[in-house]
């Protein structure tokens, strides 16, 4: 079984294309019908989905942000929730250290 959690519409299109072309797999795509921000253009979305995971440089200024993005995938929350949580961590705990 493969489970996909696309963060935006272009990633959803890339994942759907991949799933529809695959055989002998159970594919689960978790998505909703709400309006969300578009983070990646189609080429970037395809590259991101092909890797399976990645760090978006524009959203990952520190290891804390990267860690929050990893938690986002595990918790299935939307990307802006991770960015907001990271901003609160930077504001309230500016000396937080995350080991690599």
N, C-alpha and C. Protein backbone atom coordinates (compact mmCIF):
# COMPACT_ATOMS: atom_id res chain seq x y z
N UNK A 1 0.85 -1.17 0.00
CA UNK A 1 0.00 0.00 0.00
C UNK A 1 0.89 1.23 0.00
N UNK A 2 0.51 2.20 -0.79
CA UNK A 2 1.22 3.49 -0.83
C UNK A 2 0.21 4.58 -0.48
N UNK A 3 0.64 5.47 0.43
CA UNK A 3 -0.23 6.55 0.87
C UNK A 3 0.40 7.87 0.44
N UNK A 4 -0.38 8.73 -0.18
CA UNK A 4 0.10 10.02 -0.68
C UNK A 4 -0.65 11.16 0.01
N UNK A 5 0.09 12.19 0.40
CA UNK A 5 -0.47 13.37 1.05
C UNK A 5 -0.02 14.62 0.29
N UNK A 6 -0.54 14.86 -0.89
CA UNK A 6 -0.06 15.99 -1.70
C UNK A 6 -0.39 17.33 -1.05
N UNK A 7 0.61 18.23 -0.97
CA UNK A 7 0.40 19.52 -0.30
C UNK A 7 -0.31 20.57 -1.14
N UNK A 8 -0.39 20.39 -2.45
CA UNK A 8 -1.09 21.38 -3.28
C UNK A 8 -1.66 20.69 -4.52
N UNK A 9 -2.35 21.45 -5.36
CA UNK A 9 -3.05 20.88 -6.51
C UNK A 9 -2.09 20.27 -7.53
N UNK A 10 -0.96 20.92 -7.79
CA UNK A 10 -0.03 20.37 -8.77
C UNK A 10 0.59 19.06 -8.29
N UNK A 11 0.88 18.97 -7.00
CA UNK A 11 1.36 17.70 -6.45
C UNK A 11 0.27 16.64 -6.54
N UNK A 12 -0.98 17.04 -6.30
CA UNK A 12 -2.10 16.11 -6.43
C UNK A 12 -2.19 15.58 -7.86
N UNK A 13 -2.04 16.45 -8.85
CA UNK A 13 -2.07 16.01 -10.25
C UNK A 13 -0.93 15.04 -10.55
N UNK A 14 0.26 15.34 -10.06
CA UNK A 14 1.41 14.47 -10.28
C UNK A 14 1.20 13.10 -9.63
N UNK A 15 0.72 13.11 -8.40
CA UNK A 15 0.47 11.86 -7.67
C UNK A 15 -0.63 11.06 -8.36
N UNK A 16 -1.70 11.73 -8.76
CA UNK A 16 -2.81 11.02 -9.42
C UNK A 16 -2.33 10.38 -10.73
N UNK A 17 -1.53 11.10 -11.49
CA UNK A 17 -0.98 10.55 -12.73
C UNK A 17 -0.15 9.30 -12.44
N UNK A 18 0.70 9.39 -11.43
CA UNK A 18 1.55 8.25 -11.06
C UNK A 18 0.69 7.05 -10.62
N UNK A 19 -0.30 7.31 -9.79
CA UNK A 19 -1.15 6.23 -9.28
C UNK A 19 -1.96 5.57 -10.39
N UNK A 20 -2.50 6.37 -11.31
CA UNK A 20 -3.31 5.82 -12.39
C UNK A 20 -2.48 4.99 -13.37
N UNK A 21 -1.18 5.25 -13.42
CA UNK A 21 -0.30 4.48 -14.31
C UNK A 21 0.28 3.23 -13.62
N UNK A 22 0.19 3.15 -12.31
CA UNK A 22 0.77 2.02 -11.59
C UNK A 22 -0.16 0.81 -11.63
N UNK A 23 0.44 -0.36 -11.47
CA UNK A 23 -0.32 -1.60 -11.40
C UNK A 23 0.18 -2.41 -10.20
N UNK A 24 -0.69 -3.25 -9.69
CA UNK A 24 -0.36 -4.14 -8.58
C UNK A 24 -0.03 -3.40 -7.28
N UNK A 25 -0.62 -2.25 -7.08
CA UNK A 25 -0.46 -1.48 -5.84
C UNK A 25 -1.82 -1.00 -5.38
N UNK A 26 -1.96 -0.85 -4.09
CA UNK A 26 -3.11 -0.16 -3.54
C UNK A 26 -2.62 1.25 -3.23
N UNK A 27 -3.16 2.24 -3.91
CA UNK A 27 -2.76 3.63 -3.73
C UNK A 27 -3.85 4.39 -2.99
N UNK A 28 -3.46 5.12 -1.95
CA UNK A 28 -4.39 5.94 -1.18
C UNK A 28 -3.92 7.39 -1.30
N UNK A 29 -4.77 8.24 -1.84
CA UNK A 29 -4.47 9.67 -1.96
C UNK A 29 -5.37 10.40 -0.97
N UNK A 30 -4.76 11.14 -0.04
CA UNK A 30 -5.51 11.89 0.95
C UNK A 30 -5.58 13.34 0.48
N UNK A 31 -6.78 13.80 0.15
CA UNK A 31 -6.97 15.17 -0.34
C UNK A 31 -8.37 15.63 0.05
N UNK A 32 -8.59 16.92 -0.01
CA UNK A 32 -9.92 17.46 0.26
C UNK A 32 -10.32 18.39 -0.87
N UNK A 33 -11.48 19.00 -0.75
CA UNK A 33 -11.99 19.87 -1.80
C UNK A 33 -11.94 21.34 -1.41
N UNK A 34 -11.19 21.66 -0.39
CA UNK A 34 -11.07 23.05 0.05
C UNK A 34 -10.09 23.81 -0.84
N UNK A 35 -10.21 25.11 -0.86
CA UNK A 35 -9.28 25.95 -1.60
C UNK A 35 -8.01 26.10 -0.76
N UNK A 36 -6.86 25.81 -1.37
CA UNK A 36 -5.58 25.89 -0.68
C UNK A 36 -4.59 26.70 -1.51
N UNK A 37 -3.53 27.14 -0.88
CA UNK A 37 -2.48 27.85 -1.60
C UNK A 37 -1.77 26.91 -2.56
N UNK A 38 -1.27 27.46 -3.66
CA UNK A 38 -0.50 26.69 -4.63
C UNK A 38 0.97 26.98 -4.38
N UNK A 39 1.73 25.97 -3.96
CA UNK A 39 3.13 26.17 -3.58
C UNK A 39 4.12 25.91 -4.70
N UNK A 40 3.86 24.94 -5.55
CA UNK A 40 4.82 24.53 -6.57
C UNK A 40 4.20 24.60 -7.96
N UNK A 41 5.04 24.99 -8.96
CA UNK A 41 4.56 24.88 -10.33
C UNK A 41 4.60 23.40 -10.72
N UNK A 42 4.09 23.06 -11.88
CA UNK A 42 3.94 21.64 -12.25
C UNK A 42 5.27 20.91 -12.31
N UNK A 43 6.30 21.55 -12.87
CA UNK A 43 7.62 20.89 -12.96
C UNK A 43 8.20 20.64 -11.57
N UNK A 44 8.11 21.64 -10.70
CA UNK A 44 8.62 21.48 -9.34
C UNK A 44 7.82 20.43 -8.57
N UNK A 45 6.51 20.40 -8.79
CA UNK A 45 5.65 19.41 -8.12
C UNK A 45 6.02 18.00 -8.56
N UNK A 46 6.23 17.82 -9.85
CA UNK A 46 6.61 16.50 -10.36
C UNK A 46 7.95 16.06 -9.78
N UNK A 47 8.91 16.99 -9.74
CA UNK A 47 10.22 16.66 -9.16
C UNK A 47 10.10 16.32 -7.68
N UNK A 48 9.30 17.10 -6.96
CA UNK A 48 9.10 16.87 -5.52
C UNK A 48 8.45 15.50 -5.28
N UNK A 49 7.42 15.19 -6.04
CA UNK A 49 6.71 13.92 -5.85
C UNK A 49 7.56 12.72 -6.30
N UNK A 50 8.39 12.92 -7.30
CA UNK A 50 9.25 11.84 -7.76
C UNK A 50 10.26 11.46 -6.68
N UNK A 51 10.78 12.49 -5.96
CA UNK A 51 11.71 12.22 -4.86
C UNK A 51 11.00 11.56 -3.68
N UNK A 52 9.73 11.84 -3.50
CA UNK A 52 8.98 11.27 -2.40
C UNK A 52 8.93 12.15 -1.17
N UNK A 53 9.93 13.00 -1.00
CA UNK A 53 9.99 13.93 0.13
C UNK A 53 11.02 14.98 -0.23
N UNK A 54 10.94 16.11 0.40
CA UNK A 54 11.91 17.15 0.11
C UNK A 54 11.79 18.32 1.06
N UNK A 55 12.77 19.19 0.99
CA UNK A 55 12.77 20.42 1.79
C UNK A 55 12.61 21.57 0.82
N UNK A 56 11.62 22.41 1.08
CA UNK A 56 11.42 23.59 0.25
C UNK A 56 12.27 24.70 0.84
N UNK A 57 13.30 25.12 0.10
CA UNK A 57 14.25 26.12 0.60
C UNK A 57 13.56 27.42 1.02
N UNK A 58 12.55 27.85 0.29
CA UNK A 58 11.88 29.11 0.63
C UNK A 58 11.14 29.02 1.95
N UNK A 59 10.79 27.83 2.39
CA UNK A 59 10.04 27.66 3.63
C UNK A 59 10.88 27.07 4.75
N UNK A 60 12.14 26.75 4.48
CA UNK A 60 12.97 26.04 5.44
C UNK A 60 14.24 26.82 5.73
N UNK A 61 14.12 27.82 6.60
CA UNK A 61 15.27 28.65 6.93
C UNK A 61 16.12 28.01 8.02
N UNK A 62 15.55 27.11 8.80
CA UNK A 62 16.28 26.48 9.90
C UNK A 62 15.94 25.01 9.96
N UNK A 63 16.69 24.28 10.79
CA UNK A 63 16.39 22.87 11.00
C UNK A 63 15.03 22.70 11.66
N UNK A 64 14.63 23.68 12.46
CA UNK A 64 13.32 23.61 13.12
C UNK A 64 12.22 23.57 12.08
N UNK A 65 12.32 24.40 11.06
CA UNK A 65 11.31 24.41 10.00
C UNK A 65 11.28 23.07 9.29
N UNK A 66 12.45 22.52 8.99
CA UNK A 66 12.51 21.23 8.32
C UNK A 66 11.88 20.15 9.18
N UNK A 67 12.12 20.22 10.48
CA UNK A 67 11.52 19.25 11.40
C UNK A 67 10.00 19.39 11.39
N UNK A 68 9.50 20.61 11.40
CA UNK A 68 8.05 20.82 11.38
C UNK A 68 7.44 20.28 10.10
N UNK A 69 8.15 20.43 8.97
CA UNK A 69 7.63 19.89 7.72
C UNK A 69 7.55 18.38 7.79
N UNK A 70 8.53 17.73 8.46
CA UNK A 70 8.47 16.28 8.62
C UNK A 70 7.27 15.90 9.46
N UNK A 71 7.00 16.64 10.54
CA UNK A 71 5.84 16.38 11.38
C UNK A 71 4.55 16.59 10.59
N UNK A 72 4.55 17.55 9.68
CA UNK A 72 3.37 17.83 8.88
C UNK A 72 2.96 16.59 8.11
N UNK A 73 3.93 15.93 7.51
CA UNK A 73 3.62 14.74 6.74
C UNK A 73 3.04 13.64 7.64
N UNK A 74 3.58 13.51 8.84
CA UNK A 74 3.11 12.47 9.75
C UNK A 74 1.74 12.82 10.32
N UNK A 75 1.49 14.10 10.56
CA UNK A 75 0.24 14.50 11.20
C UNK A 75 -0.86 14.84 10.20
N UNK A 76 -0.54 14.91 8.93
CA UNK A 76 -1.49 15.23 7.87
C UNK A 76 -2.14 16.60 8.06
N UNK A 77 -1.40 17.57 8.55
CA UNK A 77 -1.94 18.93 8.62
C UNK A 77 -1.48 19.70 7.39
N UNK A 78 -2.07 20.80 7.13
CA UNK A 78 -1.75 21.58 5.94
C UNK A 78 -0.45 22.35 6.12
N UNK A 79 0.26 22.64 5.01
CA UNK A 79 1.56 23.31 5.10
C UNK A 79 1.55 24.61 5.87
N UNK A 80 0.48 25.45 5.72
CA UNK A 80 0.51 26.73 6.42
C UNK A 80 0.44 26.54 7.94
N UNK A 81 -0.14 25.43 8.39
CA UNK A 81 -0.17 25.16 9.82
C UNK A 81 1.25 24.90 10.34
N UNK A 82 2.05 24.19 9.56
CA UNK A 82 3.44 23.96 9.95
C UNK A 82 4.23 25.25 9.96
N UNK A 83 4.00 26.10 8.96
CA UNK A 83 4.71 27.38 8.91
C UNK A 83 4.32 28.25 10.09
N UNK A 84 3.05 28.26 10.46
CA UNK A 84 2.60 29.05 11.60
C UNK A 84 3.19 28.51 12.90
N UNK A 85 3.22 27.18 13.05
CA UNK A 85 3.80 26.58 14.25
C UNK A 85 5.29 26.90 14.35
N UNK A 86 5.98 26.87 13.23
CA UNK A 86 7.41 27.19 13.22
C UNK A 86 7.63 28.65 13.60
N UNK A 87 6.80 29.55 13.09
CA UNK A 87 6.92 30.97 13.44
C UNK A 87 6.71 31.18 14.93
N UNK A 88 5.74 30.47 15.52
CA UNK A 88 5.51 30.58 16.97
C UNK A 88 6.70 30.04 17.76
N UNK A 89 7.27 28.94 17.30
CA UNK A 89 8.46 28.41 17.97
C UNK A 89 9.61 29.41 17.93
N UNK A 90 9.82 30.03 16.77
CA UNK A 90 10.90 31.03 16.66
C UNK A 90 10.63 32.22 17.58
N UNK A 91 9.38 32.62 17.70
CA UNK A 91 9.02 33.78 18.53
C UNK A 91 9.13 33.45 20.01
N UNK A 92 8.56 32.33 20.43
CA UNK A 92 8.49 32.02 21.85
C UNK A 92 9.73 31.29 22.39
N UNK A 93 10.42 30.57 21.53
CA UNK A 93 11.60 29.81 21.95
C UNK A 93 12.75 30.08 20.97
N UNK A 94 13.28 31.30 20.95
CA UNK A 94 14.28 31.64 19.94
C UNK A 94 15.59 30.86 20.07
N UNK A 95 15.85 30.28 21.22
CA UNK A 95 17.12 29.57 21.43
C UNK A 95 16.99 28.08 21.23
N UNK A 96 15.85 27.62 20.70
CA UNK A 96 15.67 26.18 20.51
C UNK A 96 16.71 25.64 19.55
N UNK A 97 17.26 24.49 19.87
CA UNK A 97 18.26 23.84 19.04
C UNK A 97 17.73 22.48 18.62
N UNK A 98 17.92 22.15 17.36
CA UNK A 98 17.52 20.86 16.85
C UNK A 98 18.76 20.19 16.29
N UNK A 99 19.07 19.01 16.80
CA UNK A 99 20.24 18.28 16.31
C UNK A 99 19.95 17.72 14.93
N UNK A 100 21.01 17.65 14.12
CA UNK A 100 20.84 17.10 12.78
C UNK A 100 20.99 15.61 12.79
